[in-house]
Amino acid sequence: LIGEVLIRIERNQLKIKALKLIHMTQSQVQGFYAVHKERPFFSSLC
């Protein structure tokens, strides 16, 4: 669905200023979503 999402972004006059494909480690995800660490869904989200 990457292409579909990008098409919708561009059709809605949003510019893509930076883009990359990544594969986050568990540790990276935990840092990114740290604001949710006390929530019951944190483990499954990570």
All heavy atoms as atom14 arrays in JSON, in Angstrom:
{
  "sequence": "LIGEVLIRIERNQLKIKALKLIHMTQSQVQGFYAVHKERPFFSSLC",
  "atom14_mask": [
    [1, 1, 1, 1, 1, 1, 1, 1, 0, 0, 0, 0, 0, 0],
    [1, 1, 1, 1, 1, 1, 1, 1, 0, 0, 0, 0, 0, 0],
    [1, 1, 1, 1, 0, 0, 0, 0, 0, 0, 0, 0, 0, 0],
    [1, 1, 1, 1, 1, 1, 1, 1, 1, 0, 0, 0, 0, 0],
    [1, 1, 1, 1, 1, 1, 1, 0, 0, 0, 0, 0, 0, 0],
    [1, 1, 1, 1, 1, 1, 1, 1, 0, 0, 0, 0, 0, 0],
    [1, 1, 1, 1, 1, 1, 1, 1, 0, 0, 0, 0, 0, 0],
    [1, 1, 1, 1, 1, 1, 1, 1, 1, 1, 1, 0, 0, 0],
    [1, 1, 1, 1, 1, 1, 1, 1, 0, 0, 0, 0, 0, 0],
    [1, 1, 1, 1, 1, 1, 1, 1, 1, 0, 0, 0, 0, 0],
    [1, 1, 1, 1, 1, 1, 1, 1, 1, 1, 1, 0, 0, 0],
    [1, 1, 1, 1, 1, 1, 1, 1, 0, 0, 0, 0, 0, 0],
    [1, 1, 1, 1, 1, 1, 1, 1, 1, 0, 0, 0, 0, 0],
    [1, 1, 1, 1, 1, 1, 1, 1, 0, 0, 0, 0, 0, 0],
    [1, 1, 1, 1, 1, 1, 1, 1, 1, 0, 0, 0, 0, 0],
    [1, 1, 1, 1, 1, 1, 1, 1, 0, 0, 0, 0, 0, 0],
    [1, 1, 1, 1, 1, 1, 1, 1, 1, 0, 0, 0, 0, 0],
    [1, 1, 1, 1, 1, 0, 0, 0, 0, 0, 0, 0, 0, 0],
    [1, 1, 1, 1, 1, 1, 1, 1, 0, 0, 0, 0, 0, 0],
    [1, 1, 1, 1, 1, 1, 1, 1, 1, 0, 0, 0, 0, 0],
    [1, 1, 1, 1, 1, 1, 1, 1, 0, 0, 0, 0, 0, 0],
    [1, 1, 1, 1, 1, 1, 1, 1, 0, 0, 0, 0, 0, 0],
    [1, 1, 1, 1, 1, 1, 1, 1, 1, 1, 0, 0, 0, 0],
    [1, 1, 1, 1, 1, 1, 1, 1, 0, 0, 0, 0, 0, 0],
    [1, 1, 1, 1, 1, 1, 1, 0, 0, 0, 0, 0, 0, 0],
    [1, 1, 1, 1, 1, 1, 1, 1, 1, 0, 0, 0, 0, 0],
    [1, 1, 1, 1, 1, 1, 0, 0, 0, 0, 0, 0, 0, 0],
    [1, 1, 1, 1, 1, 1, 1, 1, 1, 0, 0, 0, 0, 0],
    [1, 1, 1, 1, 1, 1, 1, 0, 0, 0, 0, 0, 0, 0],
    [1, 1, 1, 1, 1, 1, 1, 1, 1, 0, 0, 0, 0, 0],
    [1, 1, 1, 1, 0, 0, 0, 0, 0, 0, 0, 0, 0, 0],
    [1, 1, 1, 1, 1, 1, 1, 1, 1, 1, 1, 0, 0, 0],
    [1, 1, 1, 1, 1, 1, 1, 1, 1, 1, 1, 1, 0, 0],
    [1, 1, 1, 1, 1, 0, 0, 0, 0, 0, 0, 0, 0, 0],
    [1, 1, 1, 1, 1, 1, 1, 0, 0, 0, 0, 0, 0, 0],
    [1, 1, 1, 1, 1, 1, 1, 1, 1, 1, 0, 0, 0, 0],
    [1, 1, 1, 1, 1, 1, 1, 1, 1, 0, 0, 0, 0, 0],
    [1, 1, 1, 1, 1, 1, 1, 1, 1, 0, 0, 0, 0, 0],
    [1, 1, 1, 1, 1, 1, 1, 1, 1, 1, 1, 0, 0, 0],
    [1, 1, 1, 1, 1, 1, 1, 0, 0, 0, 0, 0, 0, 0],
    [1, 1, 1, 1, 1, 1, 1, 1, 1, 1, 1, 0, 0, 0],
    [1, 1, 1, 1, 1, 1, 1, 1, 1, 1, 1, 0, 0, 0],
    [1, 1, 1, 1, 1, 1, 0, 0, 0, 0, 0, 0, 0, 0],
    [1, 1, 1, 1, 1, 1, 0, 0, 0, 0, 0, 0, 0, 0],
    [1, 1, 1, 1, 1, 1, 1, 1, 0, 0, 0, 0, 0, 0],
    [1, 1, 1, 1, 1, 1, 0, 0, 0, 0, 0, 0, 0, 0]
  ],
  "atom14_positions": [
    [[0.8, -1.22, 0.0], [0.0, 0.0, 0.0], [0.84, 1.29, 0.0], [0.28, 2.38, 0.07], [-0.95, 0.01, 1.21], [-2.01, -1.09, 1.2], [-2.77, -1.11, 2.52], [-2.96, -0.91, 0.02], [0.0, 0.0, 0.0], [0.0, 0.0, 0.0], [0.0, 0.0, 0.0], [0.0, 0.0, 0.0], [0.0, 0.0, 0.0], [0.0, 0.0, 0.0]],
    [[2.16, 1.17, -0.1], [3.0, 2.36, -0.1], [2.59, 3.32, -1.22], [2.36, 4.51, -0.98], [4.5, 2.01, -0.23], [4.98, 1.16, 0.94], [5.34, 3.28, -0.35], [6.36, 0.54, 0.73], [0.0, 0.0, 0.0], [0.0, 0.0, 0.0], [0.0, 0.0, 0.0], [0.0, 0.0, 0.0], [0.0, 0.0, 0.0], [0.0, 0.0, 0.0]],
    [[2.49, 2.81, -2.41], [2.13, 3.65, -3.57], [0.79, 4.32, -3.4], [0.64, 5.52, -3.7], [0.0, 0.0, 0.0], [0.0, 0.0, 0.0], [0.0, 0.0, 0.0], [0.0, 0.0, 0.0], [0.0, 0.0, 0.0], [0.0, 0.0, 0.0], [0.0, 0.0, 0.0], [0.0, 0.0, 0.0], [0.0, 0.0, 0.0], [0.0, 0.0, 0.0]],
    [[-0.2, 3.59, -2.92], [-1.53, 4.16, -2.71], [-1.48, 5.31, -1.7], [-2.1, 6.36, -1.91], [-2.49, 3.07, -2.22], [-3.89, 3.58, -1.92], [-4.64, 4.09, -3.13], [-4.44, 3.58, -4.24], [-5.46, 5.03, -2.95], [0.0, 0.0, 0.0], [0.0, 0.0, 0.0], [0.0, 0.0, 0.0], [0.0, 0.0, 0.0], [0.0, 0.0, 0.0]],
    [[-0.73, 5.13, -0.62], [-0.61, 6.19, 0.39], [0.09, 7.4, -0.21], [-0.35, 8.55, -0.03], [0.12, 5.68, 1.65], [0.42, 6.83, 2.6], [-0.72, 4.61, 2.35], [0.0, 0.0, 0.0], [0.0, 0.0, 0.0], [0.0, 0.0, 0.0], [0.0, 0.0, 0.0], [0.0, 0.0, 0.0], [0.0, 0.0, 0.0], [0.0, 0.0, 0.0]],
    [[1.18, 7.19, -0.97], [1.91, 8.3, -1.57], [1.04, 9.06, -2.57], [1.07, 10.29, -2.62], [3.19, 7.81, -2.25], [4.24, 7.18, -1.33], [5.46, 6.74, -2.14], [4.63, 8.09, -0.21], [0.0, 0.0, 0.0], [0.0, 0.0, 0.0], [0.0, 0.0, 0.0], [0.0, 0.0, 0.0], [0.0, 0.0, 0.0], [0.0, 0.0, 0.0]],
    [[0.27, 8.35, -3.36], [-0.64, 8.99, -4.31], [-1.64, 9.88, -3.58], [-1.88, 11.03, -3.97], [-1.38, 7.94, -5.17], [-0.42, 7.33, -6.19], [-2.61, 8.53, -5.86], [-0.95, 6.09, -6.87], [0.0, 0.0, 0.0], [0.0, 0.0, 0.0], [0.0, 0.0, 0.0], [0.0, 0.0, 0.0], [0.0, 0.0, 0.0], [0.0, 0.0, 0.0]],
    [[-2.2, 9.38, -2.49], [-3.18, 10.17, -1.73], [-2.52, 11.42, -1.13], [-3.13, 12.49, -1.11], [-3.83, 9.33, -0.65], [-4.78, 8.29, -1.23], [-5.44, 7.49, -0.14], [-6.27, 6.43, -0.69], [-7.39, 6.02, -0.14], [-7.82, 6.54, 1.0], [-8.1, 5.06, -0.69], [0.0, 0.0, 0.0], [0.0, 0.0, 0.0], [0.0, 0.0, 0.0]],
    [[-1.29, 11.27, -0.66], [-0.57, 12.42, -0.11], [-0.4, 13.49, -1.19], [-0.71, 14.67, -0.97], [0.8, 11.98, 0.46], [0.59, 11.18, 1.75], [1.71, 13.19, 0.69], [1.84, 10.44, 2.22], [0.0, 0.0, 0.0], [0.0, 0.0, 0.0], [0.0, 0.0, 0.0], [0.0, 0.0, 0.0], [0.0, 0.0, 0.0], [0.0, 0.0, 0.0]],
    [[0.09, 13.09, -2.34], [0.35, 14.06, -3.4], [-0.92, 14.65, -3.97], [-0.97, 15.83, -4.29], [1.21, 13.42, -4.49], [2.62, 13.15, -4.0], [3.54, 12.54, -5.04], [3.06, 11.83, -5.95], [4.75, 12.78, -4.94], [0.0, 0.0, 0.0], [0.0, 0.0, 0.0], [0.0, 0.0, 0.0], [0.0, 0.0, 0.0], [0.0, 0.0, 0.0]],
    [[-1.97, 13.87, -4.07], [-3.26, 14.39, -4.56], [-3.87, 15.41, -3.61], [-4.69, 16.22, -4.02], [-4.25, 13.24, -4.78], [-3.98, 12.48, -6.04], [-5.08, 11.51, -6.34], [-4.76, 10.77, -7.54], [-5.14, 9.53, -7.78], [-5.87, 8.88, -6.89], [-4.79, 8.93, -8.89], [0.0, 0.0, 0.0], [0.0, 0.0, 0.0], [0.0, 0.0, 0.0]],
    [[-3.49, 15.35, -2.37], [-3.99, 16.29, -1.37], [-3.02, 17.44, -1.12], [-3.05, 18.08, -0.07], [-4.32, 15.55, -0.07], [-5.64, 14.83, -0.16], [-6.68, 15.45, 0.02], [-5.59, 13.55, -0.48], [0.0, 0.0, 0.0], [0.0, 0.0, 0.0], [0.0, 0.0, 0.0], [0.0, 0.0, 0.0], [0.0, 0.0, 0.0], [0.0, 0.0, 0.0]],
    [[-2.17, 17.71, -2.1], [-1.25, 18.84, -2.09], [-0.34, 18.9, -0.87], [0.03, 19.97, -0.39], [-1.99, 20.18, -2.23], [-2.48, 20.46, -3.64], [-3.71, 19.66, -4.02], [-4.69, 19.64, -3.3], [-3.65, 18.98, -5.16], [0.0, 0.0, 0.0], [0.0, 0.0, 0.0], [0.0, 0.0, 0.0], [0.0, 0.0, 0.0], [0.0, 0.0, 0.0]],
    [[0.05, 17.74, -0.37], [1.11, 17.68, 0.63], [2.38, 17.27, -0.11], [2.35, 16.37, -0.95], [0.78, 16.69, 1.74], [-0.33, 17.11, 2.7], [-0.66, 15.97, 3.66], [0.06, 18.36, 3.47], [0.0, 0.0, 0.0], [0.0, 0.0, 0.0], [0.0, 0.0, 0.0], [0.0, 0.0, 0.0], [0.0, 0.0, 0.0], [0.0, 0.0, 0.0]],
    [[3.48, 17.94, 0.2], [4.76, 17.61, -0.42], [5.51, 16.62, 0.45], [5.56, 16.78, 1.68], [5.61, 18.87, -0.61], [5.05, 19.81, -1.64], [5.96, 20.99, -1.83], [5.36, 21.92, -2.87], [6.14, 23.15, -3.0], [0.0, 0.0, 0.0], [0.0, 0.0, 0.0], [0.0, 0.0, 0.0], [0.0, 0.0, 0.0], [0.0, 0.0, 0.0]],
    [[6.12, 15.65, -0.18], [6.97, 14.7, 0.53], [8.37, 15.3, 0.55], [9.03, 15.42, -0.47], [6.96, 13.32, -0.16], [5.53, 12.76, -0.17], [7.93, 12.37, 0.54], [5.32, 11.58, -1.1], [0.0, 0.0, 0.0], [0.0, 0.0, 0.0], [0.0, 0.0, 0.0], [0.0, 0.0, 0.0], [0.0, 0.0, 0.0], [0.0, 0.0, 0.0]],
    [[8.8, 15.72, 1.75], [10.08, 16.4, 1.91], [11.22, 15.43, 2.21], [12.38, 15.73, 1.97], [10.0, 17.45, 3.02], [8.96, 18.53, 2.75], [9.25, 19.34, 1.5], [10.37, 20.31, 1.74], [10.65, 21.17, 0.59], [0.0, 0.0, 0.0], [0.0, 0.0, 0.0], [0.0, 0.0, 0.0], [0.0, 0.0, 0.0], [0.0, 0.0, 0.0]],
    [[10.89, 14.27, 2.77], [11.88, 13.22, 3.06], [11.13, 11.91, 3.17], [9.97, 11.88, 3.59], [12.64, 13.53, 4.34], [0.0, 0.0, 0.0], [0.0, 0.0, 0.0], [0.0, 0.0, 0.0], [0.0, 0.0, 0.0], [0.0, 0.0, 0.0], [0.0, 0.0, 0.0], [0.0, 0.0, 0.0], [0.0, 0.0, 0.0], [0.0, 0.0, 0.0]],
    [[11.8, 10.83, 2.77], [11.16, 9.51, 2.8], [12.23, 8.44, 2.84], [13.24, 8.54, 2.15], [10.31, 9.35, 1.53], [9.59, 8.04, 1.29], [8.29, 8.3, 0.55], [10.44, 7.07, 0.52], [0.0, 0.0, 0.0], [0.0, 0.0, 0.0], [0.0, 0.0, 0.0], [0.0, 0.0, 0.0], [0.0, 0.0, 0.0], [0.0, 0.0, 0.0]],
    [[12.02, 7.42, 3.67], [12.92, 6.27, 3.65], [12.21, 5.03, 4.2], [11.28, 5.13, 5.0], [14.22, 6.54, 4.39], [14.11, 6.91, 5.84], [15.51, 7.24, 6.38], [15.44, 7.89, 7.74], [16.78, 8.26, 8.22], [0.0, 0.0, 0.0], [0.0, 0.0, 0.0], [0.0, 0.0, 0.0], [0.0, 0.0, 0.0], [0.0, 0.0, 0.0]],
    [[12.7, 3.89, 3.75], [12.21, 2.59, 4.21], [13.15, 2.13, 5.31], [14.37, 2.11, 5.12], [12.22, 1.59, 3.05], [11.72, 0.18, 3.35], [10.21, 0.19, 3.53], [12.1, -0.76, 2.2], [0.0, 0.0, 0.0], [0.0, 0.0, 0.0], [0.0, 0.0, 0.0], [0.0, 0.0, 0.0], [0.0, 0.0, 0.0], [0.0, 0.0, 0.0]],
    [[12.58, 1.78, 6.46], [13.39, 1.33, 7.6], [12.76, 0.08, 8.22], [11.59, -0.22, 7.96], [13.53, 2.43, 8.68], [12.15, 2.77, 9.27], [14.21, 3.67, 8.12], [12.22, 3.65, 10.51], [0.0, 0.0, 0.0], [0.0, 0.0, 0.0], [0.0, 0.0, 0.0], [0.0, 0.0, 0.0], [0.0, 0.0, 0.0], [0.0, 0.0, 0.0]],
    [[13.54, -0.61, 9.02], [13.02, -1.72, 9.82], [13.51, -1.48, 11.24], [14.68, -1.71, 11.54], [13.5, -3.06, 9.29], [12.79, -4.23, 9.9], [12.62, -5.41, 9.23], [12.21, -4.41, 11.11], [11.96, -6.26, 10.01], [11.71, -5.66, 11.15], [0.0, 0.0, 0.0], [0.0, 0.0, 0.0], [0.0, 0.0, 0.0], [0.0, 0.0, 0.0]],
    [[12.62, -1.0, 12.09], [12.99, -0.65, 13.46], [13.22, -1.87, 14.33], [12.52, -2.88, 14.2], [11.88, 0.19, 14.11], [11.77, 1.59, 13.58], [10.55, 2.57, 14.49], [9.07, 2.14, 13.6], [0.0, 0.0, 0.0], [0.0, 0.0, 0.0], [0.0, 0.0, 0.0], [0.0, 0.0, 0.0], [0.0, 0.0, 0.0], [0.0, 0.0, 0.0]],
    [[14.19, -1.74, 15.21], [14.38, -2.76, 16.24], [13.36, -2.53, 17.35], [12.74, -1.46, 17.44], [15.79, -2.65, 16.85], [15.88, -1.39, 17.55], [16.89, -2.76, 15.8], [0.0, 0.0, 0.0], [0.0, 0.0, 0.0], [0.0, 0.0, 0.0], [0.0, 0.0, 0.0], [0.0, 0.0, 0.0], [0.0, 0.0, 0.0], [0.0, 0.0, 0.0]],
    [[13.21, -3.5, 18.2], [12.3, -3.37, 19.36], [12.7, -2.15, 20.21], [11.85, -1.38, 20.64], [12.35, -4.66, 20.19], [11.38, -4.71, 21.34], [9.99, -5.16, 20.93], [9.43, -4.68, 19.96], [9.44, -6.07, 21.68], [0.0, 0.0, 0.0], [0.0, 0.0, 0.0], [0.0, 0.0, 0.0], [0.0, 0.0, 0.0], [0.0, 0.0, 0.0]],
    [[13.98, -1.97, 20.41], [14.48, -0.85, 21.2], [14.15, 0.5, 20.54], [13.76, 1.45, 21.23], [15.99, -0.99, 21.38], [16.52, 0.11, 22.04], [0.0, 0.0, 0.0], [0.0, 0.0, 0.0], [0.0, 0.0, 0.0], [0.0, 0.0, 0.0], [0.0, 0.0, 0.0], [0.0, 0.0, 0.0], [0.0, 0.0, 0.0], [0.0, 0.0, 0.0]],
    [[14.29, 0.59, 19.23], [13.96, 1.83, 18.53], [12.47, 2.15, 18.63], [12.08, 3.3, 18.84], [14.39, 1.74, 17.06], [15.89, 1.77, 16.89], [16.32, 1.36, 15.49], [15.68, 0.55, 14.83], [17.43, 1.93, 15.04], [0.0, 0.0, 0.0], [0.0, 0.0, 0.0], [0.0, 0.0, 0.0], [0.0, 0.0, 0.0], [0.0, 0.0, 0.0]],
    [[11.65, 1.14, 18.5], [10.2, 1.33, 18.62], [9.85, 1.78, 20.03], [9.04, 2.7, 20.22], [9.43, 0.05, 18.25], [7.94, 0.22, 18.52], [9.66, -0.34, 16.81], [0.0, 0.0, 0.0], [0.0, 0.0, 0.0], [0.0, 0.0, 0.0], [0.0, 0.0, 0.0], [0.0, 0.0, 0.0], [0.0, 0.0, 0.0], [0.0, 0.0, 0.0]],
    [[10.46, 1.16, 21.03], [10.18, 1.54, 22.42], [10.54, 3.0, 22.67], [9.82, 3.71, 23.37], [10.93, 0.61, 23.38], [10.35, -0.78, 23.42], [11.23, -1.76, 24.17], [12.38, -1.48, 24.5], [10.68, -2.94, 24.45], [0.0, 0.0, 0.0], [0.0, 0.0, 0.0], [0.0, 0.0, 0.0], [0.0, 0.0, 0.0], [0.0, 0.0, 0.0]],
    [[11.64, 3.47, 22.08], [12.02, 4.87, 22.23], [11.04, 5.8, 21.53], [10.66, 6.84, 22.07], [0.0, 0.0, 0.0], [0.0, 0.0, 0.0], [0.0, 0.0, 0.0], [0.0, 0.0, 0.0], [0.0, 0.0, 0.0], [0.0, 0.0, 0.0], [0.0, 0.0, 0.0], [0.0, 0.0, 0.0], [0.0, 0.0, 0.0], [0.0, 0.0, 0.0]],
    [[10.62, 5.41, 20.35], [9.69, 6.24, 19.58], [8.34, 6.36, 20.28], [7.76, 7.44, 20.34], [9.51, 5.64, 18.18], [8.56, 6.43, 17.32], [8.91, 7.69, 16.88], [7.33, 5.91, 16.96], [8.04, 8.43, 16.08], [6.46, 6.64, 16.17], [6.82, 7.9, 15.73], [0.0, 0.0, 0.0], [0.0, 0.0, 0.0], [0.0, 0.0, 0.0]],
    [[7.84, 5.26, 20.82], [6.53, 5.24, 21.46], [6.62, 5.34, 22.99], [5.68, 4.96, 23.7], [5.75, 3.98, 21.08], [5.19, 4.02, 19.68], [5.69, 3.19, 18.69], [4.15, 4.88, 19.35], [5.17, 3.21, 17.4], [3.63, 4.92, 18.07], [4.13, 4.08, 17.1], [3.61, 4.11, 15.82], [0.0, 0.0, 0.0], [0.0, 0.0, 0.0]],
    [[7.71, 5.87, 23.52], [7.92, 5.95, 24.97], [6.77, 6.64, 25.69], [6.45, 6.29, 26.84], [9.23, 6.65, 25.28], [0.0, 0.0, 0.0], [0.0, 0.0, 0.0], [0.0, 0.0, 0.0], [0.0, 0.0, 0.0], [0.0, 0.0, 0.0], [0.0, 0.0, 0.0], [0.0, 0.0, 0.0], [0.0, 0.0, 0.0], [0.0, 0.0, 0.0]],
    [[6.12, 7.58, 25.04], [4.99, 8.3, 25.65], [3.85, 7.34, 26.02], [3.05, 7.63, 26.91], [4.5, 9.42, 24.71], [3.89, 8.87, 23.44], [3.54, 10.34, 25.41], [0.0, 0.0, 0.0], [0.0, 0.0, 0.0], [0.0, 0.0, 0.0], [0.0, 0.0, 0.0], [0.0, 0.0, 0.0], [0.0, 0.0, 0.0], [0.0, 0.0, 0.0]],
    [[3.81, 6.18, 25.38], [2.75, 5.2, 25.63], [3.19, 4.04, 26.52], [2.45, 3.06, 26.68], [2.24, 4.61, 24.3], [1.62, 5.61, 23.4], [0.57, 6.42, 23.75], [1.92, 5.95, 22.11], [0.23, 7.2, 22.74], [1.04, 6.94, 21.75], [0.0, 0.0, 0.0], [0.0, 0.0, 0.0], [0.0, 0.0, 0.0], [0.0, 0.0, 0.0]],
    [[4.38, 4.11, 27.12], [4.94, 2.95, 27.83], [4.07, 2.42, 28.97], [4.16, 1.25, 29.31], [6.36, 3.23, 28.3], [6.47, 4.26, 29.39], [7.92, 4.51, 29.75], [8.03, 5.69, 30.68], [9.3, 6.33, 30.65], [0.0, 0.0, 0.0], [0.0, 0.0, 0.0], [0.0, 0.0, 0.0], [0.0, 0.0, 0.0], [0.0, 0.0, 0.0]],
    [[3.23, 3.25, 29.55], [2.36, 2.78, 30.64], [1.02, 2.25, 30.15], [0.23, 1.76, 30.94], [2.13, 3.93, 31.64], [3.4, 4.48, 32.26], [4.23, 3.44, 32.98], [3.65, 2.55, 33.64], [5.48, 3.51, 32.89], [0.0, 0.0, 0.0], [0.0, 0.0, 0.0], [0.0, 0.0, 0.0], [0.0, 0.0, 0.0], [0.0, 0.0, 0.0]],
    [[0.77, 2.36, 28.87], [-0.51, 1.92, 28.3], [-0.53, 0.41, 28.11], [0.5, -0.2, 27.83], [-0.75, 2.59, 26.95], [-0.77, 4.11, 26.98], [-2.15, 4.61, 27.39], [-2.22, 6.05, 27.43], [-2.71, 6.8, 26.46], [-3.17, 6.27, 25.36], [-2.74, 8.11, 26.61], [0.0, 0.0, 0.0], [0.0, 0.0, 0.0], [0.0, 0.0, 0.0]],
    [[-1.7, -0.21, 28.24], [-1.79, -1.68, 28.12], [-1.41, -2.2, 26.73], [-1.0, -3.36, 26.6], [-3.25, -1.99, 28.43], [-3.98, -0.69, 28.36], [-2.98, 0.4, 28.58], [0.0, 0.0, 0.0], [0.0, 0.0, 0.0], [0.0, 0.0, 0.0], [0.0, 0.0, 0.0], [0.0, 0.0, 0.0], [0.0, 0.0, 0.0], [0.0, 0.0, 0.0]],
    [[-1.51, -1.37, 25.7], [-1.21, -1.81, 24.34], [0.26, -1.64, 23.95], [0.65, -1.99, 22.84], [-2.1, -1.06, 23.33], [-1.94, 0.43, 23.35], [-0.89, 1.06, 22.69], [-2.85, 1.22, 24.03], [-0.75, 2.44, 22.7], [-2.72, 2.61, 24.05], [-1.67, 3.21, 23.37], [0.0, 0.0, 0.0], [0.0, 0.0, 0.0], [0.0, 0.0, 0.0]],
    [[1.1, -1.11, 24.84], [2.48, -0.78, 24.51], [3.26, -1.98, 23.97], [3.92, -1.89, 22.94], [3.2, -0.17, 25.73], [4.6, 0.26, 25.46], [4.87, 1.36, 24.67], [5.68, -0.43, 26.02], [6.18, 1.77, 24.42], [6.98, -0.02, 25.77], [7.23, 1.08, 24.97], [0.0, 0.0, 0.0], [0.0, 0.0, 0.0], [0.0, 0.0, 0.0]],
    [[3.18, -3.12, 24.65], [3.96, -4.3, 24.22], [3.54, -4.79, 22.85], [4.39, -5.07, 21.99], [3.82, -5.44, 25.23], [4.45, -5.09, 26.43], [0.0, 0.0, 0.0], [0.0, 0.0, 0.0], [0.0, 0.0, 0.0], [0.0, 0.0, 0.0], [0.0, 0.0, 0.0], [0.0, 0.0, 0.0], [0.0, 0.0, 0.0], [0.0, 0.0, 0.0]],
    [[2.24, -4.88, 22.61], [1.78, -5.37, 21.31], [2.1, -4.36, 20.21], [2.45, -4.74, 19.1], [0.29, -5.72, 21.33], [-0.5, -4.58, 21.52], [0.0, 0.0, 0.0], [0.0, 0.0, 0.0], [0.0, 0.0, 0.0], [0.0, 0.0, 0.0], [0.0, 0.0, 0.0], [0.0, 0.0, 0.0], [0.0, 0.0, 0.0], [0.0, 0.0, 0.0]],
    [[2.01, -3.06, 20.53], [2.35, -2.02, 19.56], [3.83, -2.14, 19.17], [4.17, -2.1, 17.98], [2.07, -0.64, 20.14], [2.48, 0.56, 19.3], [1.73, 0.6, 17.97], [2.26, 1.85, 20.07], [0.0, 0.0, 0.0], [0.0, 0.0, 0.0], [0.0, 0.0, 0.0], [0.0, 0.0, 0.0], [0.0, 0.0, 0.0], [0.0, 0.0, 0.0]],
    [[4.69, -2.31, 20.15], [6.13, -2.43, 19.87], [6.44, -3.68, 19.07], [7.24, -3.63, 18.12], [6.93, -2.39, 21.17], [6.91, -0.77, 21.97], [0.0, 0.0, 0.0], [0.0, 0.0, 0.0], [0.0, 0.0, 0.0], [0.0, 0.0, 0.0], [0.0, 0.0, 0.0], [0.0, 0.0, 0.0], [0.0, 0.0, 0.0], [0.0, 0.0, 0.0]]
  ]
}
